[in-house]
Amino acid sequence: MLAYLLLVALLSQVFTLFTNISPTTESSLGAGLDIEHAFLTTPIDNDLPLATLINNPDYLIVAPPTAVPWQFDPQIYWLKFTLKNSTSKERSFHATFSNLMLDDLLVFQVENAKVINSIKLG
């Protein structure tokens, strides 16, 4: 029974985390900045290269993070966030990733179909 309650509590926390990614992020961006979300899930043994996704954006499903079919099974989640600044001011941002279930997290900054920055976390 205790294990069941702990699982329910964990699932509740995971659901809350993922359902709040989009609203929290967008509300904190302020006026003049738009964010577009897209995702793709693939099996853990799929070796889809990043270049394939960059060159084939139609592989991704345009939808908010709340539409991602999160599962406990091992999968690869490709999440794309496109930020568009329509103001004349330069803006800085930071991303926070707080999910204890992540084994690896690779973050790529892509501009004009080229990776300009990457970092491995986890």
N, C-alpha and C. Protein backbone atom coordinates (compact mmCIF):
# COMPACT_ATOMS: atom_id res chain seq x y z
N MET A 1 0.83 -1.19 0.00
CA MET A 1 0.00 0.00 0.00
C MET A 1 0.87 1.26 0.00
N LEU A 2 1.94 1.25 0.81
CA LEU A 2 2.83 2.40 0.86
C LEU A 2 3.49 2.63 -0.50
N ALA A 3 3.90 1.55 -1.16
CA ALA A 3 4.52 1.68 -2.48
C ALA A 3 3.53 2.29 -3.47
N TYR A 4 2.27 1.91 -3.39
CA TYR A 4 1.24 2.46 -4.27
C TYR A 4 1.09 3.96 -4.03
N LEU A 5 1.03 4.36 -2.76
CA LEU A 5 0.89 5.78 -2.43
C LEU A 5 2.10 6.58 -2.90
N LEU A 6 3.29 6.01 -2.76
CA LEU A 6 4.49 6.70 -3.23
C LEU A 6 4.47 6.84 -4.75
N LEU A 7 4.02 5.80 -5.45
CA LEU A 7 3.93 5.86 -6.90
C LEU A 7 2.93 6.93 -7.33
N VAL A 8 1.78 6.99 -6.67
CA VAL A 8 0.77 8.02 -6.99
C VAL A 8 1.34 9.41 -6.74
N ALA A 9 2.04 9.58 -5.65
CA ALA A 9 2.65 10.88 -5.35
C ALA A 9 3.69 11.25 -6.40
N LEU A 10 4.50 10.28 -6.81
CA LEU A 10 5.52 10.53 -7.83
C LEU A 10 4.86 10.89 -9.16
N LEU A 11 3.85 10.13 -9.55
CA LEU A 11 3.15 10.42 -10.81
C LEU A 11 2.53 11.81 -10.77
N SER A 12 1.98 12.18 -9.64
CA SER A 12 1.40 13.51 -9.49
C SER A 12 2.45 14.59 -9.67
N GLN A 13 3.63 14.39 -9.09
CA GLN A 13 4.71 15.37 -9.22
C GLN A 13 5.19 15.47 -10.66
N VAL A 14 5.35 14.33 -11.33
CA VAL A 14 5.79 14.33 -12.73
C VAL A 14 4.76 15.03 -13.60
N PHE A 15 3.48 14.71 -13.39
CA PHE A 15 2.42 15.35 -14.18
C PHE A 15 2.43 16.86 -13.96
N THR A 16 2.55 17.28 -12.70
CA THR A 16 2.58 18.71 -12.39
C THR A 16 3.77 19.38 -13.06
N LEU A 17 4.93 18.75 -13.02
CA LEU A 17 6.12 19.31 -13.66
C LEU A 17 5.88 19.53 -15.14
N PHE A 18 5.41 18.50 -15.82
CA PHE A 18 5.27 18.60 -17.27
C PHE A 18 4.11 19.47 -17.70
N THR A 19 3.03 19.53 -16.94
CA THR A 19 1.93 20.40 -17.33
C THR A 19 2.24 21.85 -17.05
N ASN A 20 3.24 22.11 -16.22
CA ASN A 20 3.59 23.50 -15.92
C ASN A 20 4.77 24.02 -16.73
N ILE A 21 5.40 23.20 -17.54
CA ILE A 21 6.53 23.68 -18.34
C ILE A 21 6.08 24.81 -19.25
N SER A 22 5.05 24.58 -20.02
CA SER A 22 4.62 25.55 -21.01
C SER A 22 4.06 26.83 -20.40
N PRO A 23 3.05 26.78 -19.52
CA PRO A 23 2.50 28.02 -18.99
C PRO A 23 3.51 28.84 -18.20
N THR A 24 4.33 28.17 -17.37
CA THR A 24 5.31 28.89 -16.57
C THR A 24 6.33 29.57 -17.47
N THR A 25 6.84 28.85 -18.44
CA THR A 25 7.84 29.40 -19.34
C THR A 25 7.27 30.57 -20.11
N GLU A 26 6.11 30.38 -20.72
CA GLU A 26 5.55 31.43 -21.55
C GLU A 26 5.15 32.65 -20.76
N SER A 27 4.61 32.47 -19.57
CA SER A 27 4.18 33.63 -18.80
C SER A 27 5.37 34.44 -18.31
N SER A 28 6.52 33.81 -18.14
CA SER A 28 7.69 34.52 -17.65
C SER A 28 8.50 35.17 -18.77
N LEU A 29 8.15 34.90 -20.02
CA LEU A 29 8.93 35.45 -21.13
C LEU A 29 8.63 36.92 -21.37
N GLY A 30 7.44 37.36 -21.09
CA GLY A 30 7.09 38.75 -21.28
C GLY A 30 6.65 39.04 -22.70
N ALA A 31 6.26 40.30 -22.92
CA ALA A 31 5.76 40.73 -24.23
C ALA A 31 6.89 40.74 -25.26
N GLY A 32 6.52 40.47 -26.49
CA GLY A 32 7.48 40.55 -27.58
C GLY A 32 8.31 39.30 -27.80
N LEU A 33 8.01 38.26 -27.06
CA LEU A 33 8.74 37.01 -27.24
C LEU A 33 7.74 35.87 -27.36
N ASP A 34 7.83 35.15 -28.45
CA ASP A 34 6.94 34.03 -28.70
C ASP A 34 7.73 32.73 -28.57
N ILE A 35 7.06 31.69 -28.14
CA ILE A 35 7.70 30.39 -28.03
C ILE A 35 6.84 29.38 -28.78
N GLU A 36 7.50 28.56 -29.57
CA GLU A 36 6.83 27.49 -30.30
C GLU A 36 7.39 26.16 -29.80
N HIS A 37 6.51 25.20 -29.57
CA HIS A 37 6.90 23.90 -29.04
C HIS A 37 6.69 22.82 -30.08
N ALA A 38 7.55 21.83 -30.07
CA ALA A 38 7.37 20.64 -30.91
C ALA A 38 8.07 19.47 -30.21
N PHE A 39 7.67 18.26 -30.57
CA PHE A 39 8.28 17.10 -29.92
C PHE A 39 8.26 15.89 -30.85
N LEU A 40 9.05 14.91 -30.48
CA LEU A 40 9.06 13.60 -31.12
C LEU A 40 9.54 12.61 -30.07
N THR A 41 8.92 11.44 -30.00
CA THR A 41 9.43 10.38 -29.14
C THR A 41 9.90 9.24 -30.02
N THR A 42 11.00 8.62 -29.63
CA THR A 42 11.54 7.49 -30.37
C THR A 42 11.95 6.41 -29.38
N PRO A 43 12.01 5.15 -29.83
CA PRO A 43 12.48 4.08 -28.94
C PRO A 43 13.93 4.34 -28.51
N ILE A 44 14.29 3.81 -27.39
CA ILE A 44 15.62 4.02 -26.82
C ILE A 44 16.72 3.51 -27.74
N ASP A 45 16.43 2.50 -28.54
CA ASP A 45 17.45 1.94 -29.43
C ASP A 45 17.48 2.61 -30.81
N ASN A 46 16.69 3.65 -30.99
CA ASN A 46 16.67 4.38 -32.25
C ASN A 46 17.86 5.35 -32.28
N ASP A 47 18.63 5.31 -33.33
CA ASP A 47 19.80 6.20 -33.41
C ASP A 47 19.56 7.35 -34.39
N LEU A 48 18.40 7.99 -34.26
CA LEU A 48 18.06 9.13 -35.10
C LEU A 48 19.03 10.28 -34.81
N PRO A 49 19.78 10.71 -35.82
CA PRO A 49 20.72 11.81 -35.58
C PRO A 49 20.01 13.16 -35.51
N LEU A 50 20.58 14.06 -34.75
CA LEU A 50 20.05 15.41 -34.64
C LEU A 50 19.95 16.07 -36.01
N ALA A 51 20.93 15.86 -36.86
CA ALA A 51 20.93 16.47 -38.20
C ALA A 51 19.68 16.08 -38.99
N THR A 52 19.20 14.87 -38.79
CA THR A 52 17.98 14.43 -39.49
C THR A 52 16.79 15.27 -39.04
N LEU A 53 16.69 15.52 -37.75
CA LEU A 53 15.59 16.35 -37.26
C LEU A 53 15.72 17.80 -37.71
N ILE A 54 16.94 18.30 -37.72
CA ILE A 54 17.15 19.68 -38.16
C ILE A 54 16.74 19.83 -39.63
N ASN A 55 17.10 18.84 -40.44
CA ASN A 55 16.81 18.92 -41.88
C ASN A 55 15.40 18.46 -42.25
N ASN A 56 14.69 17.84 -41.31
CA ASN A 56 13.33 17.35 -41.55
C ASN A 56 12.41 17.77 -40.41
N PRO A 57 12.13 19.07 -40.28
CA PRO A 57 11.33 19.53 -39.14
C PRO A 57 9.91 18.96 -39.13
N ASP A 58 9.45 18.43 -40.27
CA ASP A 58 8.11 17.84 -40.30
C ASP A 58 8.04 16.52 -39.54
N TYR A 59 9.16 15.97 -39.11
CA TYR A 59 9.17 14.77 -38.26
C TYR A 59 8.59 15.10 -36.87
N LEU A 60 8.72 16.36 -36.47
CA LEU A 60 8.28 16.79 -35.15
C LEU A 60 6.80 17.13 -35.15
N ILE A 61 6.15 16.89 -34.03
CA ILE A 61 4.74 17.23 -33.85
C ILE A 61 4.68 18.58 -33.15
N VAL A 62 4.07 19.56 -33.78
CA VAL A 62 3.95 20.88 -33.17
C VAL A 62 2.81 20.84 -32.16
N ALA A 63 3.17 20.94 -30.89
CA ALA A 63 2.21 20.87 -29.79
C ALA A 63 2.93 21.29 -28.52
N PRO A 64 2.17 21.73 -27.51
CA PRO A 64 2.81 22.11 -26.24
C PRO A 64 3.36 20.90 -25.51
N PRO A 65 4.26 21.11 -24.56
CA PRO A 65 4.83 19.99 -23.79
C PRO A 65 3.77 19.14 -23.09
N THR A 66 2.63 19.71 -22.80
CA THR A 66 1.57 18.94 -22.15
C THR A 66 1.01 17.86 -23.06
N ALA A 67 1.27 17.93 -24.37
CA ALA A 67 0.79 16.92 -25.32
C ALA A 67 1.78 15.76 -25.49
N VAL A 68 2.97 15.89 -24.94
CA VAL A 68 3.97 14.83 -25.06
C VAL A 68 3.49 13.59 -24.29
N PRO A 69 3.53 12.41 -24.93
CA PRO A 69 3.08 11.19 -24.25
C PRO A 69 4.15 10.64 -23.30
N TRP A 70 4.34 11.30 -22.17
CA TRP A 70 5.36 10.90 -21.20
C TRP A 70 5.06 9.50 -20.69
N GLN A 71 6.11 8.68 -20.56
CA GLN A 71 5.98 7.32 -20.07
C GLN A 71 7.14 6.98 -19.16
N PHE A 72 6.97 5.93 -18.39
CA PHE A 72 8.05 5.45 -17.54
C PHE A 72 8.98 4.50 -18.30
N ASP A 73 8.53 4.01 -19.46
CA ASP A 73 9.38 3.14 -20.28
C ASP A 73 10.53 3.94 -20.85
N PRO A 74 11.69 3.31 -21.04
CA PRO A 74 12.83 4.02 -21.65
C PRO A 74 12.48 4.49 -23.06
N GLN A 75 12.60 5.78 -23.27
CA GLN A 75 12.35 6.40 -24.57
C GLN A 75 13.29 7.58 -24.74
N ILE A 76 13.38 8.03 -25.96
CA ILE A 76 14.08 9.27 -26.24
C ILE A 76 13.02 10.32 -26.53
N TYR A 77 13.11 11.43 -25.84
CA TYR A 77 12.17 12.53 -26.04
C TYR A 77 12.94 13.68 -26.70
N TRP A 78 12.52 14.03 -27.89
CA TRP A 78 13.08 15.18 -28.59
C TRP A 78 12.11 16.33 -28.36
N LEU A 79 12.55 17.37 -27.69
CA LEU A 79 11.72 18.55 -27.43
C LEU A 79 12.36 19.75 -28.11
N LYS A 80 11.56 20.50 -28.84
CA LYS A 80 12.07 21.67 -29.54
C LYS A 80 11.32 22.90 -29.05
N PHE A 81 12.07 23.89 -28.62
CA PHE A 81 11.52 25.17 -28.21
C PHE A 81 12.13 26.23 -29.12
N THR A 82 11.29 26.91 -29.87
CA THR A 82 11.76 27.98 -30.75
C THR A 82 11.34 29.31 -30.14
N LEU A 83 12.32 30.13 -29.82
CA LEU A 83 12.05 31.45 -29.24
C LEU A 83 12.21 32.51 -30.33
N LYS A 84 11.21 33.38 -30.43
CA LYS A 84 11.26 34.47 -31.41
C LYS A 84 11.09 35.79 -30.68
N ASN A 85 12.12 36.62 -30.76
CA ASN A 85 12.11 37.93 -30.13
C ASN A 85 11.69 38.96 -31.17
N SER A 86 10.49 39.54 -31.00
CA SER A 86 10.01 40.54 -31.96
C SER A 86 10.28 41.97 -31.49
N THR A 87 11.10 42.11 -30.46
CA THR A 87 11.47 43.44 -29.99
C THR A 87 12.87 43.77 -30.50
N SER A 88 13.26 45.01 -30.31
CA SER A 88 14.61 45.41 -30.72
C SER A 88 15.63 45.22 -29.60
N LYS A 89 15.17 44.74 -28.45
CA LYS A 89 16.05 44.55 -27.30
C LYS A 89 16.63 43.15 -27.28
N GLU A 90 17.91 43.04 -26.96
CA GLU A 90 18.53 41.73 -26.75
C GLU A 90 18.07 41.20 -25.41
N ARG A 91 17.76 39.91 -25.36
CA ARG A 91 17.27 39.32 -24.13
C ARG A 91 18.06 38.06 -23.81
N SER A 92 18.24 37.81 -22.53
CA SER A 92 18.93 36.61 -22.07
C SER A 92 17.92 35.70 -21.37
N PHE A 93 18.16 34.39 -21.48
CA PHE A 93 17.26 33.42 -20.88
C PHE A 93 18.08 32.31 -20.25
N HIS A 94 17.46 31.60 -19.35
CA HIS A 94 18.06 30.38 -18.81
C HIS A 94 16.99 29.31 -18.77
N ALA A 95 17.40 28.09 -18.83
CA ALA A 95 16.48 26.96 -18.79
C ALA A 95 16.76 26.17 -17.52
N THR A 96 15.71 25.68 -16.92
CA THR A 96 15.82 24.86 -15.72
C THR A 96 15.22 23.50 -16.02
N PHE A 97 15.95 22.45 -15.75
CA PHE A 97 15.50 21.09 -15.97
C PHE A 97 15.57 20.37 -14.63
N SER A 98 14.42 20.07 -14.08
CA SER A 98 14.40 19.41 -12.77
C SER A 98 13.49 18.19 -12.82
N ASN A 99 14.01 17.12 -13.37
CA ASN A 99 13.25 15.88 -13.45
C ASN A 99 14.18 14.76 -13.02
N LEU A 100 13.90 14.17 -11.89
CA LEU A 100 14.77 13.13 -11.34
C LEU A 100 14.76 11.86 -12.18
N MET A 101 13.83 11.74 -13.11
CA MET A 101 13.73 10.53 -13.91
C MET A 101 14.62 10.58 -15.16
N LEU A 102 15.26 11.69 -15.40
CA LEU A 102 16.13 11.80 -16.58
C LEU A 102 17.44 11.06 -16.34
N ASP A 103 17.82 10.25 -17.31
CA ASP A 103 19.13 9.60 -17.25
C ASP A 103 20.18 10.50 -17.89
N ASP A 104 19.86 11.03 -19.03
CA ASP A 104 20.75 11.93 -19.76
C ASP A 104 19.93 13.08 -20.32
N LEU A 105 20.55 14.24 -20.40
CA LEU A 105 19.90 15.39 -21.01
C LEU A 105 20.92 16.08 -21.89
N LEU A 106 20.61 16.13 -23.16
CA LEU A 106 21.46 16.82 -24.12
C LEU A 106 20.69 18.05 -24.60
N VAL A 107 21.31 19.20 -24.52
CA VAL A 107 20.67 20.45 -24.93
C VAL A 107 21.48 21.02 -26.08
N PHE A 108 20.77 21.38 -27.16
CA PHE A 108 21.42 21.93 -28.35
C PHE A 108 20.82 23.29 -28.66
N GLN A 109 21.66 24.23 -29.01
CA GLN A 109 21.21 25.52 -29.53
C GLN A 109 21.47 25.49 -31.02
N VAL A 110 20.41 25.64 -31.80
CA VAL A 110 20.50 25.53 -33.26
C VAL A 110 20.07 26.85 -33.88
N GLU A 111 20.89 27.36 -34.78
CA GLU A 111 20.55 28.56 -35.55
C GLU A 111 20.91 28.32 -37.00
N ASN A 112 19.99 28.66 -37.90
CA ASN A 112 20.20 28.49 -39.34
C ASN A 112 20.65 27.06 -39.67
N ALA A 113 19.98 26.10 -39.08
CA ALA A 113 20.21 24.67 -39.33
C ALA A 113 21.61 24.19 -38.92
N LYS A 114 22.26 24.90 -38.01
CA LYS A 114 23.58 24.51 -37.52
C LYS A 114 23.59 24.55 -35.99
N VAL A 115 24.21 23.54 -35.39
CA VAL A 115 24.36 23.51 -33.94
C VAL A 115 25.46 24.51 -33.58
N ILE A 116 25.10 25.50 -32.77
CA ILE A 116 26.09 26.50 -32.37
C ILE A 116 26.55 26.32 -30.92
N ASN A 117 25.78 25.52 -30.17
CA ASN A 117 26.16 25.28 -28.78
C ASN A 117 25.48 23.99 -28.33
N SER A 118 26.14 23.24 -27.50
CA SER A 118 25.53 22.04 -26.93
C SER A 118 26.12 21.79 -25.55
N ILE A 119 25.34 21.09 -24.75
CA ILE A 119 25.79 20.74 -23.40
C ILE A 119 25.12 19.43 -23.01
N LYS A 120 25.87 18.60 -22.30
CA LYS A 120 25.33 17.33 -21.79
C LYS A 120 25.20 17.48 -20.29
N LEU A 121 23.99 17.20 -19.80
CA LEU A 121 23.71 17.27 -18.38
C LEU A 121 23.27 15.89 -17.91
N GLY A 122 23.37 15.64 -16.64
CA GLY A 122 22.85 14.38 -16.12
C GLY A 122 23.92 13.44 -15.66
